[in-house]
Amino acid sequence: MTDKMTPFNKLRQIMATLRAPGGCNWDRKQTHKSLLPYLIEETYEVVDAIEKEDTTLLREELGDLLIQIVFHSQIAEEAGQFTVDDSINDICDKLIRRHPHVFGEKKDLNPTEVRDLWEKIKIDSGEKESVINGIPKSAPALVKAFRFGEKAAGVGFDWEKADDVMNKVKEELAEIEIEIKSGDNEKLESEIGDMLFALASLARKKDINPEQALNKTLDKFKKRFNYIEDNVKKSGKPFAEFSLDELEAFWQEAKE
């Protein structure tokens, strides 16, 4: 290993050494499947760094995510399947193919027009049999709801404005109320799912990421509930001895 190597090639060489005979037994034991939890964890840590707007942490977390990519590529290379260079060349070709307005005939498209163009290219090229087939099955449901709506919108299947979606939300709420009264939990589950999908669509129409919005609300709930817990602990009494009104009073204090 020499100082003249690019940082990326240096990283590749380190990973190859760790995986080689005489390297690290833990690294040599790993497979694509065994590494999945780490890949997911590192991805979420990148998300956390971005949401914290901490560029120092983001720099570190991007490196941690990159090693996962290099790790998977090294395993594939050892099996004679592909190299990380193959992956890089594939994405370079894809970027050029999906940006004909930049690398072909120049067109000044706005972000929405670019997104719609991508969906059209995917279908016309045969890359995707369905507009919405490209969403990972393992993605969080709220993320999929947002992306399904976004991709369908890319081919023209969408509400015209946010007010139209709001009407749909009201419609779904009315149907939820009906099923609560009916006592049919199976139908209620379906209607709640419809409501969540409609809310994801409303968020999309207003340029809000519903997953991020929900996470912010959960963070807010956690801080306020921790305030309640702190006050309960200070009292020396268990939760069971507090009335709901007393706990609600702590909640209102936390909001203030």
C-alpha atoms as a PDB file:
ATOM      1  CA  MET A   1       0.000   0.000   0.000  1.00  0.00           C
ATOM      2  CA  THR A   2       1.515   3.313  -1.070  1.00  0.00           C
ATOM      3  CA  ASP A   3       0.811   6.958  -0.306  1.00  0.00           C
ATOM      4  CA  LYS A   4       0.316   7.511  -4.046  1.00  0.00           C
ATOM      5  CA  MET A   5      -2.907   5.491  -4.035  1.00  0.00           C
ATOM      6  CA  THR A   6      -6.167   7.430  -4.232  1.00  0.00           C
ATOM      7  CA  PRO A   7      -8.178   7.326  -0.975  1.00  0.00           C
ATOM      8  CA  PHE A   8     -10.786   5.121  -2.656  1.00  0.00           C
ATOM      9  CA  ASN A   9      -8.248   2.584  -3.922  1.00  0.00           C
ATOM     10  CA  LYS A  10      -6.565   2.623  -0.524  1.00  0.00           C
ATOM     11  CA  LEU A  11      -9.912   1.703   1.041  1.00  0.00           C
ATOM     12  CA  ARG A  12     -10.388  -1.094  -1.481  1.00  0.00           C
ATOM     13  CA  GLN A  13      -6.921  -2.457  -0.722  1.00  0.00           C
ATOM     14  CA  ILE A  14      -7.543  -2.384   3.030  1.00  0.00           C
ATOM     15  CA  MET A  15     -10.787  -4.316   2.567  1.00  0.00           C
ATOM     16  CA  ALA A  16      -9.100  -6.848   0.271  1.00  0.00           C
ATOM     17  CA  THR A  17      -6.391  -7.359   2.902  1.00  0.00           C
ATOM     18  CA  LEU A  18      -8.935  -7.840   5.684  1.00  0.00           C
ATOM     19  CA  ARG A  19     -10.759 -10.454   3.594  1.00  0.00           C
ATOM     20  CA  ALA A  20      -7.610 -12.291   2.437  1.00  0.00           C
ATOM     21  CA  PRO A  21      -6.109 -15.364   4.135  1.00  0.00           C
ATOM     22  CA  GLY A  22      -4.287 -14.136   7.210  1.00  0.00           C
ATOM     23  CA  GLY A  23      -6.618 -11.141   7.439  1.00  0.00           C
ATOM     24  CA  CYS A  24      -9.395 -10.555   9.960  1.00  0.00           C
ATOM     25  CA  ASN A  25     -11.459 -13.626  10.855  1.00  0.00           C
ATOM     26  CA  TRP A  26     -14.590 -11.510  11.443  1.00  0.00           C
ATOM     27  CA  ASP A  27     -14.347  -9.766   8.077  1.00  0.00           C
ATOM     28  CA  ARG A  28     -13.577 -13.045   6.282  1.00  0.00           C
ATOM     29  CA  LYS A  29     -16.700 -14.654   7.771  1.00  0.00           C
ATOM     30  CA  GLN A  30     -19.160 -12.002   6.540  1.00  0.00           C
ATOM     31  CA  THR A  31     -21.655 -12.460   3.695  1.00  0.00           C
ATOM     32  CA  HIS A  32     -24.058 -10.128   1.912  1.00  0.00           C
ATOM     33  CA  LYS A  33     -26.852 -11.230   4.254  1.00  0.00           C
ATOM     34  CA  SER A  34     -24.847 -11.046   7.480  1.00  0.00           C
ATOM     35  CA  LEU A  35     -23.864  -7.460   6.629  1.00  0.00           C
ATOM     36  CA  LEU A  36     -27.451  -6.275   6.050  1.00  0.00           C
ATOM     37  CA  PRO A  37     -28.028  -4.985   9.611  1.00  0.00           C
ATOM     38  CA  TYR A  38     -24.842  -2.903   9.409  1.00  0.00           C
ATOM     39  CA  LEU A  39     -25.769  -1.485   6.007  1.00  0.00           C
ATOM     40  CA  ILE A  40     -29.177  -0.420   7.312  1.00  0.00           C
ATOM     41  CA  GLU A  41     -27.722   0.951  10.555  1.00  0.00           C
ATOM     42  CA  GLU A  42     -25.078   3.016   8.773  1.00  0.00           C
ATOM     43  CA  THR A  43     -27.694   4.400   6.382  1.00  0.00           C
ATOM     44  CA  TYR A  44     -29.847   5.582   9.268  1.00  0.00           C
ATOM     45  CA  GLU A  45     -26.804   7.131  10.962  1.00  0.00           C
ATOM     46  CA  VAL A  46     -26.187   9.163   7.790  1.00  0.00           C
ATOM     47  CA  VAL A  47     -29.831  10.270   7.955  1.00  0.00           C
ATOM     48  CA  ASP A  48     -29.392  11.288  11.610  1.00  0.00           C
ATOM     49  CA  ALA A  49     -26.286  13.333  10.793  1.00  0.00           C
ATOM     50  CA  ILE A  50     -28.124  15.149   7.992  1.00  0.00           C
ATOM     51  CA  GLU A  51     -31.130  15.880  10.194  1.00  0.00           C
ATOM     52  CA  LYS A  52     -28.802  17.208  12.919  1.00  0.00           C
ATOM     53  CA  GLU A  53     -27.109  19.381  10.253  1.00  0.00           C
ATOM     54  CA  ASP A  54     -23.770  18.190  11.686  1.00  0.00           C
ATOM     55  CA  THR A  55     -21.298  18.220   8.777  1.00  0.00           C
ATOM     56  CA  THR A  56     -18.450  16.773  10.876  1.00  0.00           C
ATOM     57  CA  LEU A  57     -20.624  13.823  11.849  1.00  0.00           C
ATOM     58  CA  LEU A  58     -21.918  13.515   8.270  1.00  0.00           C
ATOM     59  CA  ARG A  59     -18.349  13.262   6.975  1.00  0.00           C
ATOM     60  CA  GLU A  60     -17.685  10.390   9.380  1.00  0.00           C
ATOM     61  CA  GLU A  61     -20.968   8.582   8.719  1.00  0.00           C
ATOM     62  CA  LEU A  62     -20.564   8.768   4.934  1.00  0.00           C
ATOM     63  CA  GLY A  63     -17.228   6.993   5.357  1.00  0.00           C
ATOM     64  CA  ASP A  64     -18.893   4.310   7.468  1.00  0.00           C
ATOM     65  CA  LEU A  65     -21.565   3.858   4.786  1.00  0.00           C
ATOM     66  CA  LEU A  66     -18.951   3.740   2.035  1.00  0.00           C
ATOM     67  CA  ILE A  67     -17.100   0.875   3.701  1.00  0.00           C
ATOM     68  CA  GLN A  68     -20.315  -1.149   3.588  1.00  0.00           C
ATOM     69  CA  ILE A  69     -20.505  -0.607  -0.184  1.00  0.00           C
ATOM     70  CA  VAL A  70     -16.862  -1.562  -0.628  1.00  0.00           C
ATOM     71  CA  PHE A  71     -17.374  -4.592   1.655  1.00  0.00           C
ATOM     72  CA  HIS A  72     -20.266  -5.936  -0.438  1.00  0.00           C
ATOM     73  CA  SER A  73     -18.341  -5.257  -3.652  1.00  0.00           C
ATOM     74  CA  GLN A  74     -15.294  -7.113  -2.348  1.00  0.00           C
ATOM     75  CA  ILE A  75     -17.405 -10.172  -1.506  1.00  0.00           C
ATOM     76  CA  ALA A  76     -18.901 -10.105  -5.013  1.00  0.00           C
ATOM     77  CA  GLU A  77     -15.452  -9.702  -6.604  1.00  0.00           C
ATOM     78  CA  GLU A  78     -14.101 -12.705  -4.701  1.00  0.00           C
ATOM     79  CA  ALA A  79     -17.034 -14.747  -6.041  1.00  0.00           C
ATOM     80  CA  GLY A  80     -16.253 -13.630  -9.602  1.00  0.00           C
ATOM     81  CA  GLN A  81     -19.584 -11.801  -9.913  1.00  0.00           C
ATOM     82  CA  PHE A  82     -18.672  -8.126 -10.311  1.00  0.00           C
ATOM     83  CA  THR A  83     -16.319  -5.438  -8.985  1.00  0.00           C
ATOM     84  CA  VAL A  84     -17.004  -2.045  -7.469  1.00  0.00           C
ATOM     85  CA  ASP A  85     -15.783  -0.547 -10.763  1.00  0.00           C
ATOM     86  CA  ASP A  86     -18.621  -2.387 -12.520  1.00  0.00           C
ATOM     87  CA  SER A  87     -21.103  -0.815 -10.108  1.00  0.00           C
ATOM     88  CA  ILE A  88     -19.602   2.630 -10.667  1.00  0.00           C
ATOM     89  CA  ASN A  89     -19.682   2.233 -14.455  1.00  0.00           C
ATOM     90  CA  ASP A  90     -23.310   1.068 -14.268  1.00  0.00           C
ATOM     91  CA  ILE A  91     -24.387   4.124 -12.311  1.00  0.00           C
ATOM     92  CA  CYS A  92     -22.426   6.435 -14.626  1.00  0.00           C
ATOM     93  CA  ASP A  93     -24.270   4.978 -17.626  1.00  0.00           C
ATOM     94  CA  LYS A  94     -27.588   5.268 -15.798  1.00  0.00           C
ATOM     95  CA  LEU A  95     -26.985   8.919 -14.846  1.00  0.00           C
ATOM     96  CA  ILE A  96     -26.194   9.839 -18.449  1.00  0.00           C
ATOM     97  CA  ARG A  97     -29.194   7.870 -19.750  1.00  0.00           C
ATOM     98  CA  ARG A  98     -31.568   9.507 -17.269  1.00  0.00           C
ATOM     99  CA  HIS A  99     -30.344  13.042 -17.937  1.00  0.00           C
ATOM    100  CA  PRO A 100     -30.834  13.512 -21.693  1.00  0.00           C
ATOM    101  CA  HIS A 101     -31.718  17.150 -20.963  1.00  0.00           C
ATOM    102  CA  VAL A 102     -28.112  17.620 -19.767  1.00  0.00           C
ATOM    103  CA  PHE A 103     -26.012  15.147 -21.775  1.00  0.00           C
ATOM    104  CA  GLY A 104     -28.174  15.269 -24.923  1.00  0.00           C
ATOM    105  CA  GLU A 105     -30.329  18.073 -26.225  1.00  0.00           C
ATOM    106  CA  LYS A 106     -30.118  20.802 -23.580  1.00  0.00           C
ATOM    107  CA  LYS A 107     -33.414  21.563 -21.844  1.00  0.00           C
ATOM    108  CA  ASP A 108     -34.016  23.700 -18.771  1.00  0.00           C
ATOM    109  CA  LEU A 109     -36.403  21.454 -16.826  1.00  0.00           C
ATOM    110  CA  ASN A 110     -37.683  22.160 -13.334  1.00  0.00           C
ATOM    111  CA  PRO A 111     -37.278  19.461 -10.628  1.00  0.00           C
ATOM    112  CA  THR A 112     -40.813  18.090 -11.122  1.00  0.00           C
ATOM    113  CA  GLU A 113     -40.323  17.824 -14.892  1.00  0.00           C
ATOM    114  CA  VAL A 114     -37.017  16.011 -14.324  1.00  0.00           C
ATOM    115  CA  ARG A 115     -38.664  13.522 -11.970  1.00  0.00           C
ATOM    116  CA  ASP A 116     -41.450  12.868 -14.467  1.00  0.00           C
ATOM    117  CA  LEU A 117     -38.880  12.408 -17.249  1.00  0.00           C
ATOM    118  CA  TRP A 118     -37.063   9.773 -15.171  1.00  0.00           C
ATOM    119  CA  GLU A 119     -40.231   7.728 -14.764  1.00  0.00           C
ATOM    120  CA  LYS A 120     -40.952   7.907 -18.489  1.00  0.00           C
ATOM    121  CA  ILE A 121     -37.382   6.828 -19.332  1.00  0.00           C
ATOM    122  CA  LYS A 122     -37.596   3.845 -16.970  1.00  0.00           C
ATOM    123  CA  ILE A 123     -40.795   2.590 -18.600  1.00  0.00           C
ATOM    124  CA  ASP A 124     -39.861   3.375 -22.235  1.00  0.00           C
ATOM    125  CA  SER A 125     -36.458   1.675 -21.873  1.00  0.00           C
ATOM    126  CA  GLY A 126     -37.970  -1.457 -20.362  1.00  0.00           C
ATOM    127  CA  GLU A 127     -35.853  -0.951 -17.243  1.00  0.00           C
ATOM    128  CA  LYS A 128     -39.022  -1.170 -15.158  1.00  0.00           C
ATOM    129  CA  GLU A 129     -42.159  -3.123 -16.083  1.00  0.00           C
ATOM    130  CA  SER A 130     -44.160  -0.970 -13.678  1.00  0.00           C
ATOM    131  CA  VAL A 131     -43.619   2.574 -12.504  1.00  0.00           C
ATOM    132  CA  ILE A 132     -43.938   1.567  -8.847  1.00  0.00           C
ATOM    133  CA  ASN A 133     -42.008  -1.719  -8.977  1.00  0.00           C
ATOM    134  CA  GLY A 134     -38.724  -0.012  -8.094  1.00  0.00           C
ATOM    135  CA  ILE A 135     -39.658   0.654  -4.467  1.00  0.00           C
ATOM    136  CA  PRO A 136     -37.891  -1.794  -2.105  1.00  0.00           C
ATOM    137  CA  LYS A 137     -40.321  -4.151  -0.388  1.00  0.00           C
ATOM    138  CA  SER A 138     -38.392  -3.749   2.868  1.00  0.00           C
ATOM    139  CA  ALA A 139     -38.736   0.060   2.908  1.00  0.00           C
ATOM    140  CA  PRO A 140     -40.831   1.567   5.738  1.00  0.00           C
ATOM    141  CA  ALA A 141     -44.524   1.660   4.803  1.00  0.00           C
ATOM    142  CA  LEU A 142     -44.738   5.454   5.086  1.00  0.00           C
ATOM    143  CA  VAL A 143     -41.753   5.830   2.761  1.00  0.00           C
ATOM    144  CA  LYS A 144     -43.398   3.478   0.257  1.00  0.00           C
ATOM    145  CA  ALA A 145     -46.674   5.418   0.465  1.00  0.00           C
ATOM    146  CA  PHE A 146     -44.835   8.633  -0.359  1.00  0.00           C
ATOM    147  CA  ARG A 147     -42.812   7.082  -3.188  1.00  0.00           C
ATOM    148  CA  PHE A 148     -45.776   5.198  -4.721  1.00  0.00           C
ATOM    149  CA  GLY A 149     -47.651   8.483  -4.990  1.00  0.00           C
ATOM    150  CA  GLU A 150     -44.600  10.281  -6.321  1.00  0.00           C
ATOM    151  CA  LYS A 151     -43.958   7.688  -9.011  1.00  0.00           C
ATOM    152  CA  ALA A 152     -47.608   7.495 -10.071  1.00  0.00           C
ATOM    153  CA  ALA A 153     -47.613  11.293 -10.307  1.00  0.00           C
ATOM    154  CA  GLY A 154     -44.632  11.038 -12.646  1.00  0.00           C
ATOM    155  CA  VAL A 155     -46.861   9.483 -15.306  1.00  0.00           C
ATOM    156  CA  GLY A 156     -49.795  11.818 -14.662  1.00  0.00           C
ATOM    157  CA  PHE A 157     -51.838   9.809 -12.132  1.00  0.00           C
ATOM    158  CA  ASP A 158     -52.232  12.341  -9.331  1.00  0.00           C
ATOM    159  CA  TRP A 159     -54.516  14.910  -7.746  1.00  0.00           C
ATOM    160  CA  GLU A 160     -54.220  18.356  -9.281  1.00  0.00           C
ATOM    161  CA  LYS A 161     -53.790  20.212  -5.995  1.00  0.00           C
ATOM    162  CA  ALA A 162     -53.432  19.705  -2.250  1.00  0.00           C
ATOM    163  CA  ASP A 163     -57.053  20.731  -1.619  1.00  0.00           C
ATOM    164  CA  ASP A 164     -58.190  17.704  -3.627  1.00  0.00           C
ATOM    165  CA  VAL A 165     -56.131  15.417  -1.394  1.00  0.00           C
ATOM    166  CA  MET A 166     -57.532  17.147   1.688  1.00  0.00           C
ATOM    167  CA  ASN A 167     -61.022  16.196   0.532  1.00  0.00           C
ATOM    168  CA  LYS A 168     -59.827  12.607   0.265  1.00  0.00           C
ATOM    169  CA  VAL A 169     -58.448  12.782   3.815  1.00  0.00           C
ATOM    170  CA  LYS A 170     -61.846  13.991   5.085  1.00  0.00           C
ATOM    171  CA  GLU A 171     -63.547  11.191   3.157  1.00  0.00           C
ATOM    172  CA  GLU A 172     -61.250   8.581   4.712  1.00  0.00           C
ATOM    173  CA  LEU A 173     -61.810  10.020   8.188  1.00  0.00           C
ATOM    174  CA  ALA A 174     -65.568   9.669   7.750  1.00  0.00           C
ATOM    175  CA  GLU A 175     -65.121   6.040   6.681  1.00  0.00           C
ATOM    176  CA  ILE A 176     -62.938   5.379   9.735  1.00  0.00           C
ATOM    177  CA  GLU A 177     -65.689   6.726  11.986  1.00  0.00           C
ATOM    178  CA  ILE A 178     -68.208   4.409  10.305  1.00  0.00           C
ATOM    179  CA  GLU A 179     -66.011   1.326  10.855  1.00  0.00           C
ATOM    180  CA  ILE A 180     -65.300   2.262  14.481  1.00  0.00           C
ATOM    181  CA  LYS A 181     -69.055   2.218  15.082  1.00  0.00           C
ATOM    182  CA  SER A 182     -69.473  -1.023  13.092  1.00  0.00           C
ATOM    183  CA  GLY A 183     -66.943  -2.836  15.268  1.00  0.00           C
ATOM    184  CA  ASP A 184     -65.402  -4.517  12.191  1.00  0.00           C
ATOM    185  CA  ASN A 185     -61.664  -4.293  12.893  1.00  0.00           C
ATOM    186  CA  GLU A 186     -60.667  -5.780   9.544  1.00  0.00           C
ATOM    187  CA  LYS A 187     -62.482  -3.019   7.676  1.00  0.00           C
ATOM    188  CA  LEU A 188     -61.186  -0.439  10.171  1.00  0.00           C
ATOM    189  CA  GLU A 189     -57.616  -1.581   9.495  1.00  0.00           C
ATOM    190  CA  SER A 190     -58.199  -1.082   5.764  1.00  0.00           C
ATOM    191  CA  GLU A 191     -59.648   2.405   6.257  1.00  0.00           C
ATOM    192  CA  ILE A 192     -56.788   3.463   8.547  1.00  0.00           C
ATOM    193  CA  GLY A 193     -54.361   2.286   5.860  1.00  0.00           C
ATOM    194  CA  ASP A 194     -56.259   4.375   3.285  1.00  0.00           C
ATOM    195  CA  MET A 195     -56.040   7.379   5.608  1.00  0.00           C
ATOM    196  CA  LEU A 196     -52.284   7.012   6.081  1.00  0.00           C
ATOM    197  CA  PHE A 197     -51.818   6.748   2.312  1.00  0.00           C
ATOM    198  CA  ALA A 198     -53.945   9.858   1.781  1.00  0.00           C
ATOM    199  CA  LEU A 199     -51.938  11.777   4.404  1.00  0.00           C
ATOM    200  CA  ALA A 200     -48.682  10.731   2.712  1.00  0.00           C
ATOM    201  CA  SER A 201     -50.085  12.077  -0.547  1.00  0.00           C
ATOM    202  CA  LEU A 202     -51.106  15.332   1.128  1.00  0.00           C
ATOM    203  CA  ALA A 203     -47.592  15.722   2.524  1.00  0.00           C
ATOM    204  CA  ARG A 204     -46.113  15.068  -0.926  1.00  0.00           C
ATOM    205  CA  LYS A 205     -48.314  17.706  -2.545  1.00  0.00           C
ATOM    206  CA  LYS A 206     -47.039  20.220   0.027  1.00  0.00           C
ATOM    207  CA  ASP A 207     -43.376  19.181  -0.434  1.00  0.00           C
ATOM    208  CA  ILE A 208     -43.188  17.589   3.012  1.00  0.00           C
ATOM    209  CA  ASN A 209     -41.542  14.229   3.638  1.00  0.00           C
ATOM    210  CA  PRO A 210     -44.055  12.319   5.813  1.00  0.00           C
ATOM    211  CA  GLU A 211     -41.377  10.013   7.273  1.00  0.00           C
ATOM    212  CA  GLN A 212     -39.365  12.996   8.472  1.00  0.00           C
ATOM    213  CA  ALA A 213     -42.504  14.734   9.715  1.00  0.00           C
ATOM    214  CA  LEU A 214     -43.491  11.683  11.767  1.00  0.00           C
ATOM    215  CA  ASN A 215     -39.959  11.302  13.150  1.00  0.00           C
ATOM    216  CA  LYS A 216     -39.988  14.931  14.291  1.00  0.00           C
ATOM    217  CA  THR A 217     -43.318  14.356  16.020  1.00  0.00           C
ATOM    218  CA  LEU A 218     -41.956  11.221  17.709  1.00  0.00           C
ATOM    219  CA  ASP A 219     -38.898  13.148  18.920  1.00  0.00           C
ATOM    220  CA  LYS A 220     -41.220  15.822  20.296  1.00  0.00           C
ATOM    221  CA  PHE A 221     -43.386  13.192  22.002  1.00  0.00           C
ATOM    222  CA  LYS A 222     -40.300  11.534  23.519  1.00  0.00           C
ATOM    223  CA  LYS A 223     -39.035  14.804  25.024  1.00  0.00           C
ATOM    224  CA  ARG A 224     -42.437  15.677  26.473  1.00  0.00           C
ATOM    225  CA  PHE A 225     -43.037  12.181  27.851  1.00  0.00           C
ATOM    226  CA  ASN A 226     -39.550  12.197  29.391  1.00  0.00           C
ATOM    227  CA  TYR A 227     -40.601  15.409  31.169  1.00  0.00           C
ATOM    228  CA  ILE A 228     -43.623  13.590  32.586  1.00  0.00           C
ATOM    229  CA  GLU A 229     -41.409  10.697  33.716  1.00  0.00           C
ATOM    230  CA  ASP A 230     -38.961  13.074  35.399  1.00  0.00           C
ATOM    231  CA  ASN A 231     -41.767  14.718  37.359  1.00  0.00           C
ATOM    232  CA  VAL A 232     -43.210  11.368  38.378  1.00  0.00           C
ATOM    233  CA  LYS A 233     -39.785  10.226  39.599  1.00  0.00           C
ATOM    234  CA  LYS A 234     -39.284  13.457  41.569  1.00  0.00           C
ATOM    235  CA  SER A 235     -42.592  12.867  43.333  1.00  0.00           C
ATOM    236  CA  GLY A 236     -41.432   9.500  44.649  1.00  0.00           C
ATOM    237  CA  LYS A 237     -44.782   7.985  43.650  1.00  0.00           C
ATOM    238  CA  PRO A 238     -45.461   5.380  40.923  1.00  0.00           C
ATOM    239  CA  PHE A 239     -47.304   6.248  37.700  1.00  0.00           C
ATOM    240  CA  ALA A 240     -50.352   4.331  38.906  1.00  0.00           C
ATOM    241  CA  GLU A 241     -50.983   6.898  41.668  1.00  0.00           C
ATOM    242  CA  PHE A 242     -51.312   9.769  39.200  1.00  0.00           C
ATOM    243  CA  SER A 243     -54.617  10.544  37.535  1.00  0.00           C
ATOM    244  CA  LEU A 244     -54.788  11.144  33.818  1.00  0.00           C
ATOM    245  CA  ASP A 245     -55.532  14.829  34.515  1.00  0.00           C
ATOM    246  CA  GLU A 246     -52.353  15.133  36.596  1.00  0.00           C
ATOM    247  CA  LEU A 247     -50.257  13.514  33.861  1.00  0.00           C
ATOM    248  CA  GLU A 248     -51.912  15.772  31.293  1.00  0.00           C
ATOM    249  CA  ALA A 249     -50.898  18.786  33.397  1.00  0.00           C
ATOM    250  CA  PHE A 250     -47.258  17.679  33.195  1.00  0.00           C
ATOM    251  CA  TRP A 251     -47.702  17.260  29.421  1.00  0.00           C
ATOM    252  CA  GLN A 252     -48.979  20.814  29.075  1.00  0.00           C
ATOM    253  CA  GLU A 253     -46.010  22.075  31.127  1.00  0.00           C
ATOM    254  CA  ALA A 254     -43.662  20.231  28.784  1.00  0.00           C
ATOM    255  CA  LYS A 255     -45.297  21.892  25.760  1.00  0.00           C
ATOM    256  CA  GLU A 256     -44.711  25.301  27.309  1.00  0.00           C
END
